[in-house]
All heavy atoms as atom14 arrays in JSON, in Angstrom:
{
  "sequence": "VLLEDPTPEPTEVKAGPLGFAVWIFMILAVVV",
  "atom14_mask": [
    [1, 1, 1, 1, 1, 1, 1, 0, 0, 0, 0, 0, 0, 0],
    [1, 1, 1, 1, 1, 1, 1, 1, 0, 0, 0, 0, 0, 0],
    [1, 1, 1, 1, 1, 1, 1, 1, 0, 0, 0, 0, 0, 0],
    [1, 1, 1, 1, 1, 1, 1, 1, 1, 0, 0, 0, 0, 0],
    [1, 1, 1, 1, 1, 1, 1, 1, 0, 0, 0, 0, 0, 0],
    [1, 1, 1, 1, 1, 1, 1, 0, 0, 0, 0, 0, 0, 0],
    [1, 1, 1, 1, 1, 1, 1, 0, 0, 0, 0, 0, 0, 0],
    [1, 1, 1, 1, 1, 1, 1, 0, 0, 0, 0, 0, 0, 0],
    [1, 1, 1, 1, 1, 1, 1, 1, 1, 0, 0, 0, 0, 0],
    [1, 1, 1, 1, 1, 1, 1, 0, 0, 0, 0, 0, 0, 0],
    [1, 1, 1, 1, 1, 1, 1, 0, 0, 0, 0, 0, 0, 0],
    [1, 1, 1, 1, 1, 1, 1, 1, 1, 0, 0, 0, 0, 0],
    [1, 1, 1, 1, 1, 1, 1, 0, 0, 0, 0, 0, 0, 0],
    [1, 1, 1, 1, 1, 1, 1, 1, 1, 0, 0, 0, 0, 0],
    [1, 1, 1, 1, 1, 0, 0, 0, 0, 0, 0, 0, 0, 0],
    [1, 1, 1, 1, 0, 0, 0, 0, 0, 0, 0, 0, 0, 0],
    [1, 1, 1, 1, 1, 1, 1, 0, 0, 0, 0, 0, 0, 0],
    [1, 1, 1, 1, 1, 1, 1, 1, 0, 0, 0, 0, 0, 0],
    [1, 1, 1, 1, 0, 0, 0, 0, 0, 0, 0, 0, 0, 0],
    [1, 1, 1, 1, 1, 1, 1, 1, 1, 1, 1, 0, 0, 0],
    [1, 1, 1, 1, 1, 0, 0, 0, 0, 0, 0, 0, 0, 0],
    [1, 1, 1, 1, 1, 1, 1, 0, 0, 0, 0, 0, 0, 0],
    [1, 1, 1, 1, 1, 1, 1, 1, 1, 1, 1, 1, 1, 1],
    [1, 1, 1, 1, 1, 1, 1, 1, 0, 0, 0, 0, 0, 0],
    [1, 1, 1, 1, 1, 1, 1, 1, 1, 1, 1, 0, 0, 0],
    [1, 1, 1, 1, 1, 1, 1, 1, 0, 0, 0, 0, 0, 0],
    [1, 1, 1, 1, 1, 1, 1, 1, 0, 0, 0, 0, 0, 0],
    [1, 1, 1, 1, 1, 1, 1, 1, 0, 0, 0, 0, 0, 0],
    [1, 1, 1, 1, 1, 0, 0, 0, 0, 0, 0, 0, 0, 0],
    [1, 1, 1, 1, 1, 1, 1, 0, 0, 0, 0, 0, 0, 0],
    [1, 1, 1, 1, 1, 1, 1, 0, 0, 0, 0, 0, 0, 0],
    [1, 1, 1, 1, 1, 1, 1, 0, 0, 0, 0, 0, 0, 0]
  ],
  "atom14_positions": [
    [[15.69, -19.32, 1.04], [15.22, -17.94, 0.91], [14.08, -17.69, 1.89], [14.02, -16.63, 2.54], [14.79, -17.66, -0.54], [14.05, -16.33, -0.64], [15.98, -17.66, -1.46], [0.0, 0.0, 0.0], [0.0, 0.0, 0.0], [0.0, 0.0, 0.0], [0.0, 0.0, 0.0], [0.0, 0.0, 0.0], [0.0, 0.0, 0.0], [0.0, 0.0, 0.0]],
    [[13.16, -18.63, 2.01], [12.03, -18.45, 2.93], [12.49, -18.39, 4.38], [11.93, -17.65, 5.19], [11.02, -19.57, 2.75], [10.2, -19.52, 1.45], [9.31, -20.75, 1.34], [9.38, -18.26, 1.37], [0.0, 0.0, 0.0], [0.0, 0.0, 0.0], [0.0, 0.0, 0.0], [0.0, 0.0, 0.0], [0.0, 0.0, 0.0], [0.0, 0.0, 0.0]],
    [[13.51, -19.14, 4.73], [14.0, -19.13, 6.11], [14.79, -17.87, 6.43], [14.74, -17.37, 7.55], [14.87, -20.37, 6.38], [14.12, -21.7, 6.42], [15.12, -22.85, 6.57], [13.12, -21.72, 7.55], [0.0, 0.0, 0.0], [0.0, 0.0, 0.0], [0.0, 0.0, 0.0], [0.0, 0.0, 0.0], [0.0, 0.0, 0.0], [0.0, 0.0, 0.0]],
    [[15.5, -17.33, 5.47], [16.34, -16.16, 5.71], [15.58, -14.83, 5.52], [16.03, -13.81, 6.02], [17.55, -16.19, 4.77], [18.53, -17.29, 5.1], [19.72, -17.28, 4.15], [19.76, -16.41, 3.26], [20.58, -18.14, 4.3], [0.0, 0.0, 0.0], [0.0, 0.0, 0.0], [0.0, 0.0, 0.0], [0.0, 0.0, 0.0], [0.0, 0.0, 0.0]],
    [[14.49, -14.84, 4.78], [13.76, -13.61, 4.47], [12.82, -13.27, 5.63], [11.79, -13.9, 5.81], [12.96, -13.79, 3.18], [12.39, -12.49, 2.68], [12.94, -11.43, 3.03], [11.41, -12.53, 1.93], [0.0, 0.0, 0.0], [0.0, 0.0, 0.0], [0.0, 0.0, 0.0], [0.0, 0.0, 0.0], [0.0, 0.0, 0.0], [0.0, 0.0, 0.0]],
    [[13.17, -12.24, 6.41], [12.31, -11.9, 7.55], [11.06, -11.14, 7.08], [11.1, -10.36, 6.13], [13.19, -11.01, 8.42], [14.13, -10.37, 7.45], [14.36, -11.4, 6.37], [0.0, 0.0, 0.0], [0.0, 0.0, 0.0], [0.0, 0.0, 0.0], [0.0, 0.0, 0.0], [0.0, 0.0, 0.0], [0.0, 0.0, 0.0], [0.0, 0.0, 0.0]],
    [[9.96, -11.37, 7.72], [8.73, -10.65, 7.44], [8.79, -9.3, 8.12], [9.13, -9.2, 9.29], [7.52, -11.44, 7.98], [7.56, -12.75, 7.43], [6.22, -10.78, 7.63], [0.0, 0.0, 0.0], [0.0, 0.0, 0.0], [0.0, 0.0, 0.0], [0.0, 0.0, 0.0], [0.0, 0.0, 0.0], [0.0, 0.0, 0.0], [0.0, 0.0, 0.0]],
    [[8.46, -8.22, 7.4], [8.51, -6.89, 8.02], [7.42, -6.74, 9.09], [6.35, -7.34, 9.0], [8.28, -5.93, 6.86], [7.63, -6.74, 5.81], [8.08, -8.15, 5.99], [0.0, 0.0, 0.0], [0.0, 0.0, 0.0], [0.0, 0.0, 0.0], [0.0, 0.0, 0.0], [0.0, 0.0, 0.0], [0.0, 0.0, 0.0], [0.0, 0.0, 0.0]],
    [[7.7, -5.93, 10.07], [6.74, -5.63, 11.13], [5.63, -4.74, 10.55], [5.86, -3.99, 9.61], [7.44, -4.91, 12.28], [8.48, -5.75, 12.99], [7.88, -6.98, 13.66], [6.77, -6.86, 14.22], [8.52, -8.04, 13.61], [0.0, 0.0, 0.0], [0.0, 0.0, 0.0], [0.0, 0.0, 0.0], [0.0, 0.0, 0.0], [0.0, 0.0, 0.0]],
    [[4.44, -4.77, 11.13], [3.35, -3.91, 10.63], [3.68, -2.42, 10.69], [3.17, -1.65, 9.88], [2.18, -4.24, 11.56], [2.47, -5.61, 12.07], [3.98, -5.7, 12.15], [0.0, 0.0, 0.0], [0.0, 0.0, 0.0], [0.0, 0.0, 0.0], [0.0, 0.0, 0.0], [0.0, 0.0, 0.0], [0.0, 0.0, 0.0], [0.0, 0.0, 0.0]],
    [[4.53, -2.0, 11.62], [4.89, -0.59, 11.7], [5.89, -0.19, 10.63], [6.08, 0.99, 10.37], [5.48, -0.27, 13.08], [6.61, -1.13, 13.32], [4.44, -0.48, 14.17], [0.0, 0.0, 0.0], [0.0, 0.0, 0.0], [0.0, 0.0, 0.0], [0.0, 0.0, 0.0], [0.0, 0.0, 0.0], [0.0, 0.0, 0.0], [0.0, 0.0, 0.0]],
    [[6.54, -1.16, 10.0], [7.52, -0.86, 8.96], [6.88, -0.72, 7.58], [7.52, -0.22, 6.66], [8.57, -1.97, 8.9], [9.41, -2.09, 10.16], [10.34, -3.28, 10.1], [10.19, -4.12, 9.19], [11.21, -3.38, 10.98], [0.0, 0.0, 0.0], [0.0, 0.0, 0.0], [0.0, 0.0, 0.0], [0.0, 0.0, 0.0], [0.0, 0.0, 0.0]],
    [[5.65, -1.13, 7.42], [4.99, -1.11, 6.12], [4.0, 0.05, 6.09], [3.1, 0.13, 6.91], [4.25, -2.44, 5.87], [3.55, -2.42, 4.53], [5.21, -3.6, 5.97], [0.0, 0.0, 0.0], [0.0, 0.0, 0.0], [0.0, 0.0, 0.0], [0.0, 0.0, 0.0], [0.0, 0.0, 0.0], [0.0, 0.0, 0.0], [0.0, 0.0, 0.0]],
    [[4.17, 0.94, 5.11], [3.29, 2.09, 4.96], [2.96, 2.27, 3.49], [3.79, 2.02, 2.61], [3.96, 3.36, 5.49], [4.22, 3.3, 6.98], [4.86, 4.55, 7.47], [5.15, 4.42, 8.96], [5.85, 5.55, 9.49], [0.0, 0.0, 0.0], [0.0, 0.0, 0.0], [0.0, 0.0, 0.0], [0.0, 0.0, 0.0], [0.0, 0.0, 0.0]],
    [[1.74, 2.72, 3.2], [1.31, 2.91, 1.82], [1.95, 4.16, 1.21], [2.36, 4.15, 0.07], [-0.2, 3.01, 1.74], [0.0, 0.0, 0.0], [0.0, 0.0, 0.0], [0.0, 0.0, 0.0], [0.0, 0.0, 0.0], [0.0, 0.0, 0.0], [0.0, 0.0, 0.0], [0.0, 0.0, 0.0], [0.0, 0.0, 0.0], [0.0, 0.0, 0.0]],
    [[2.0, 5.22, 1.96], [2.6, 6.44, 1.47], [1.69, 7.22, 0.55], [0.52, 6.9, 0.37], [0.0, 0.0, 0.0], [0.0, 0.0, 0.0], [0.0, 0.0, 0.0], [0.0, 0.0, 0.0], [0.0, 0.0, 0.0], [0.0, 0.0, 0.0], [0.0, 0.0, 0.0], [0.0, 0.0, 0.0], [0.0, 0.0, 0.0], [0.0, 0.0, 0.0]],
    [[2.23, 8.25, -0.08], [1.41, 9.12, -0.93], [0.92, 8.43, -2.2], [-0.14, 8.75, -2.71], [2.33, 10.29, -1.27], [3.69, 9.91, -0.82], [3.57, 8.76, 0.1], [0.0, 0.0, 0.0], [0.0, 0.0, 0.0], [0.0, 0.0, 0.0], [0.0, 0.0, 0.0], [0.0, 0.0, 0.0], [0.0, 0.0, 0.0], [0.0, 0.0, 0.0]],
    [[1.68, 7.47, -2.71], [1.24, 6.77, -3.91], [-0.02, 5.95, -3.62], [-0.97, 5.94, -4.42], [2.35, 5.86, -4.44], [2.0, 5.08, -5.71], [1.71, 6.04, -6.86], [3.13, 4.14, -6.08], [0.0, 0.0, 0.0], [0.0, 0.0, 0.0], [0.0, 0.0, 0.0], [0.0, 0.0, 0.0], [0.0, 0.0, 0.0], [0.0, 0.0, 0.0]],
    [[-0.06, 5.29, -2.49], [-1.26, 4.54, -2.11], [-2.46, 5.44, -1.92], [-3.58, 5.11, -2.33], [0.0, 0.0, 0.0], [0.0, 0.0, 0.0], [0.0, 0.0, 0.0], [0.0, 0.0, 0.0], [0.0, 0.0, 0.0], [0.0, 0.0, 0.0], [0.0, 0.0, 0.0], [0.0, 0.0, 0.0], [0.0, 0.0, 0.0], [0.0, 0.0, 0.0]],
    [[-2.25, 6.61, -1.33], [-3.33, 7.59, -1.16], [-3.83, 8.07, -2.51], [-5.04, 8.18, -2.73], [-2.83, 8.77, -0.31], [-3.87, 9.81, -0.07], [-4.94, 9.56, 0.79], [-3.79, 11.04, -0.69], [-5.9, 10.52, 1.01], [-4.74, 12.01, -0.46], [-5.8, 11.75, 0.39], [0.0, 0.0, 0.0], [0.0, 0.0, 0.0], [0.0, 0.0, 0.0]],
    [[-2.92, 8.34, -3.43], [-3.3, 8.8, -4.77], [-4.11, 7.72, -5.51], [-5.07, 8.03, -6.22], [-2.06, 9.18, -5.57], [0.0, 0.0, 0.0], [0.0, 0.0, 0.0], [0.0, 0.0, 0.0], [0.0, 0.0, 0.0], [0.0, 0.0, 0.0], [0.0, 0.0, 0.0], [0.0, 0.0, 0.0], [0.0, 0.0, 0.0], [0.0, 0.0, 0.0]],
    [[-3.72, 6.47, -5.34], [-4.46, 5.38, -5.99], [-5.89, 5.31, -5.45], [-6.85, 5.15, -6.2], [-3.73, 4.04, -5.8], [-4.59, 2.87, -6.21], [-2.43, 4.04, -6.6], [0.0, 0.0, 0.0], [0.0, 0.0, 0.0], [0.0, 0.0, 0.0], [0.0, 0.0, 0.0], [0.0, 0.0, 0.0], [0.0, 0.0, 0.0], [0.0, 0.0, 0.0]],
    [[-6.05, 5.45, -4.13], [-7.39, 5.42, -3.54], [-8.24, 6.58, -4.04], [-9.41, 6.42, -4.36], [-7.31, 5.46, -2.01], [-7.14, 4.1, -1.43], [-6.0, 3.57, -0.92], [-8.13, 3.09, -1.3], [-6.23, 2.29, -0.49], [-7.53, 1.97, -0.7], [-9.48, 3.03, -1.62], [-8.24, 0.8, -0.44], [-10.18, 1.86, -1.36], [-9.55, 0.78, -0.77]],
    [[-7.67, 7.77, -4.1], [-8.41, 8.94, -4.59], [-8.82, 8.73, -6.04], [-9.96, 9.01, -6.44], [-7.57, 10.23, -4.43], [-7.32, 10.52, -2.96], [-8.24, 11.42, -5.11], [-8.57, 10.77, -2.15], [0.0, 0.0, 0.0], [0.0, 0.0, 0.0], [0.0, 0.0, 0.0], [0.0, 0.0, 0.0], [0.0, 0.0, 0.0], [0.0, 0.0, 0.0]],
    [[-7.9, 8.2, -6.86], [-8.21, 7.94, -8.27], [-9.35, 6.92, -8.38], [-10.25, 7.09, -9.21], [-6.97, 7.43, -9.0], [-7.24, 7.02, -10.41], [-7.44, 7.97, -11.4], [-7.33, 5.68, -10.76], [-7.71, 7.61, -12.7], [-7.6, 5.29, -12.05], [-7.79, 6.26, -13.03], [0.0, 0.0, 0.0], [0.0, 0.0, 0.0], [0.0, 0.0, 0.0]],
    [[-9.32, 5.88, -7.58], [-10.37, 4.86, -7.64], [-11.72, 5.44, -7.22], [-12.75, 5.13, -7.83], [-10.0, 3.66, -6.77], [-8.88, 2.86, -7.37], [-8.37, 1.33, -6.55], [-9.22, 1.24, -5.05], [0.0, 0.0, 0.0], [0.0, 0.0, 0.0], [0.0, 0.0, 0.0], [0.0, 0.0, 0.0], [0.0, 0.0, 0.0], [0.0, 0.0, 0.0]],
    [[-11.74, 6.29, -6.22], [-12.99, 6.92, -5.78], [-13.53, 7.81, -6.89], [-14.73, 7.77, -7.2], [-12.77, 7.7, -4.48], [-12.53, 6.73, -3.32], [-13.95, 8.61, -4.18], [-12.06, 7.4, -2.05], [0.0, 0.0, 0.0], [0.0, 0.0, 0.0], [0.0, 0.0, 0.0], [0.0, 0.0, 0.0], [0.0, 0.0, 0.0], [0.0, 0.0, 0.0]],
    [[-12.69, 8.61, -7.5], [-13.12, 9.48, -8.59], [-13.61, 8.67, -9.79], [-14.6, 9.04, -10.44], [-11.99, 10.42, -9.01], [-11.62, 11.49, -8.0], [-10.41, 12.28, -8.49], [-12.79, 12.42, -7.75], [0.0, 0.0, 0.0], [0.0, 0.0, 0.0], [0.0, 0.0, 0.0], [0.0, 0.0, 0.0], [0.0, 0.0, 0.0], [0.0, 0.0, 0.0]],
    [[-12.95, 7.56, -10.08], [-13.38, 6.71, -11.2], [-14.76, 6.13, -10.94], [-15.61, 6.1, -11.84], [-12.36, 5.6, -11.42], [0.0, 0.0, 0.0], [0.0, 0.0, 0.0], [0.0, 0.0, 0.0], [0.0, 0.0, 0.0], [0.0, 0.0, 0.0], [0.0, 0.0, 0.0], [0.0, 0.0, 0.0], [0.0, 0.0, 0.0], [0.0, 0.0, 0.0]],
    [[-15.04, 5.7, -9.72], [-16.36, 5.16, -9.39], [-17.43, 6.24, -9.5], [-18.53, 5.99, -10.01], [-16.34, 4.53, -7.98], [-17.75, 4.22, -7.49], [-15.5, 3.27, -7.98], [0.0, 0.0, 0.0], [0.0, 0.0, 0.0], [0.0, 0.0, 0.0], [0.0, 0.0, 0.0], [0.0, 0.0, 0.0], [0.0, 0.0, 0.0], [0.0, 0.0, 0.0]],
    [[-17.12, 7.45, -9.07], [-18.08, 8.56, -9.17], [-18.39, 8.87, -10.63], [-19.56, 9.03, -11.02], [-17.56, 9.81, -8.42], [-18.39, 11.03, -8.75], [-17.53, 9.55, -6.93], [0.0, 0.0, 0.0], [0.0, 0.0, 0.0], [0.0, 0.0, 0.0], [0.0, 0.0, 0.0], [0.0, 0.0, 0.0], [0.0, 0.0, 0.0], [0.0, 0.0, 0.0]],
    [[-17.37, 8.93, -11.47], [-17.58, 9.22, -12.9], [-18.41, 8.1, -13.55], [-19.33, 8.37, -14.32], [-16.22, 9.39, -13.62], [-16.39, 9.39, -15.12], [-15.56, 10.68, -13.16], [0.0, 0.0, 0.0], [0.0, 0.0, 0.0], [0.0, 0.0, 0.0], [0.0, 0.0, 0.0], [0.0, 0.0, 0.0], [0.0, 0.0, 0.0], [0.0, 0.0, 0.0]]
  ]
}
């Protein structure tokens, strides 16, 4: 499995809107 499973390129990995929402939630939680 380790030999056949290719590692994705850095340009193929993106956080997207869910990652952005998590960061915003964490910032708001720290402020509160």
